[in-house]
Amino acid sequence: MVETARAGEQGRHLAGRSAGAGKAIESQITDSVGRVARGSTRVDWVGRAITLMDGAALQNSAPVEQSAHAA
């Protein structure tokens, strides 16, 4: 009976630790998903900014090229 009681106590302890670890893992996964979503949003913003800068550079290069050909 003593061994059964010990096993039951250890089992409850292990179950409690497992539940705590599961909650910690769930929290880490939730945090990681949020970080990935924020990173993806930032990548989209950077991509749009680069596209705008590329367009502006092309618009600005045309008059410079025309001036170079005229000279």
Protein backbone atom coordinates (compact mmCIF):
# COMPACT_ATOMS: atom_id res chain seq x y z
CA MET A 1 0.00 0.00 0.00
CA VAL A 2 2.87 2.36 0.76
CA GLU A 3 4.33 1.80 -2.70
CA THR A 4 0.93 2.36 -4.31
CA ALA A 5 0.50 5.62 -2.39
CA ARG A 6 4.01 6.74 -3.42
CA ALA A 7 3.35 5.86 -7.05
CA GLY A 8 0.07 7.75 -6.94
CA GLU A 9 1.74 10.78 -5.38
CA GLN A 10 4.57 10.71 -7.93
CA GLY A 11 2.06 10.26 -10.72
CA ARG A 12 0.10 13.31 -9.57
CA HIS A 13 3.34 15.28 -9.32
CA LEU A 14 4.34 14.21 -12.83
CA ALA A 15 0.88 15.05 -14.18
CA GLY A 16 1.10 18.51 -12.62
CA ARG A 17 4.53 19.10 -14.11
CA SER A 18 3.33 17.88 -17.51
CA ALA A 19 0.34 20.22 -17.39
CA GLY A 20 2.61 23.14 -16.48
CA ALA A 21 4.99 22.29 -19.31
CA GLY A 22 2.08 22.04 -21.73
CA LYS A 23 0.87 25.50 -20.76
CA ALA A 24 4.40 26.91 -21.14
CA ILE A 25 4.73 25.36 -24.61
CA GLU A 26 1.31 26.71 -25.61
CA SER A 27 2.36 30.18 -24.47
CA GLN A 28 5.63 29.97 -26.42
CA ILE A 29 3.81 28.85 -29.57
CA THR A 30 1.29 31.68 -29.24
CA ASP A 31 4.14 34.17 -28.77
CA SER A 32 5.99 32.77 -31.80
CA VAL A 33 2.90 32.97 -34.00
CA GLY A 34 2.47 36.62 -33.01
CA ARG A 35 6.09 37.40 -33.75
CA VAL A 36 5.88 35.75 -37.17
CA ALA A 37 2.71 37.72 -37.98
CA ARG A 38 4.35 41.01 -36.97
CA GLY A 39 7.47 40.12 -38.97
CA SER A 40 5.38 39.29 -42.02
CA THR A 41 3.61 42.65 -41.76
CA ARG A 42 6.96 44.42 -41.58
CA VAL A 43 8.25 42.55 -44.62
CA ASP A 44 5.15 43.64 -46.55
CA TRP A 45 5.75 47.27 -45.52
CA VAL A 46 9.39 47.11 -46.59
CA GLY A 47 8.43 45.54 -49.92
CA ARG A 48 5.95 48.32 -50.60
CA ALA A 49 8.49 50.98 -49.63
CA ILE A 50 11.10 49.47 -51.96
CA THR A 51 8.58 49.38 -54.80
CA LEU A 52 7.78 53.06 -54.24
CA MET A 53 11.47 53.98 -54.09
CA ASP A 54 12.16 52.03 -57.26
CA GLY A 55 9.37 53.87 -59.06
CA ALA A 56 10.65 57.23 -57.80
CA ALA A 57 14.17 56.38 -58.90
CA LEU A 58 12.96 55.50 -62.39
CA GLN A 59 10.99 58.75 -62.63
CA ASN A 60 14.01 60.76 -61.51
CA SER A 61 16.44 58.99 -63.81
CA ALA A 62 14.49 59.81 -66.96
CA PRO A 63 15.13 63.60 -66.83
CA VAL A 64 18.79 62.98 -65.96
CA GLU A 65 19.18 60.71 -68.97
CA GLN A 66 17.49 63.26 -71.21
CA SER A 67 19.85 65.97 -69.97
CA ALA A 68 22.83 63.73 -70.60
CA HIS A 69 21.75 63.03 -74.16
CA ALA A 70 21.09 66.72 -74.81
CA ALA A 71 24.55 67.72 -73.69
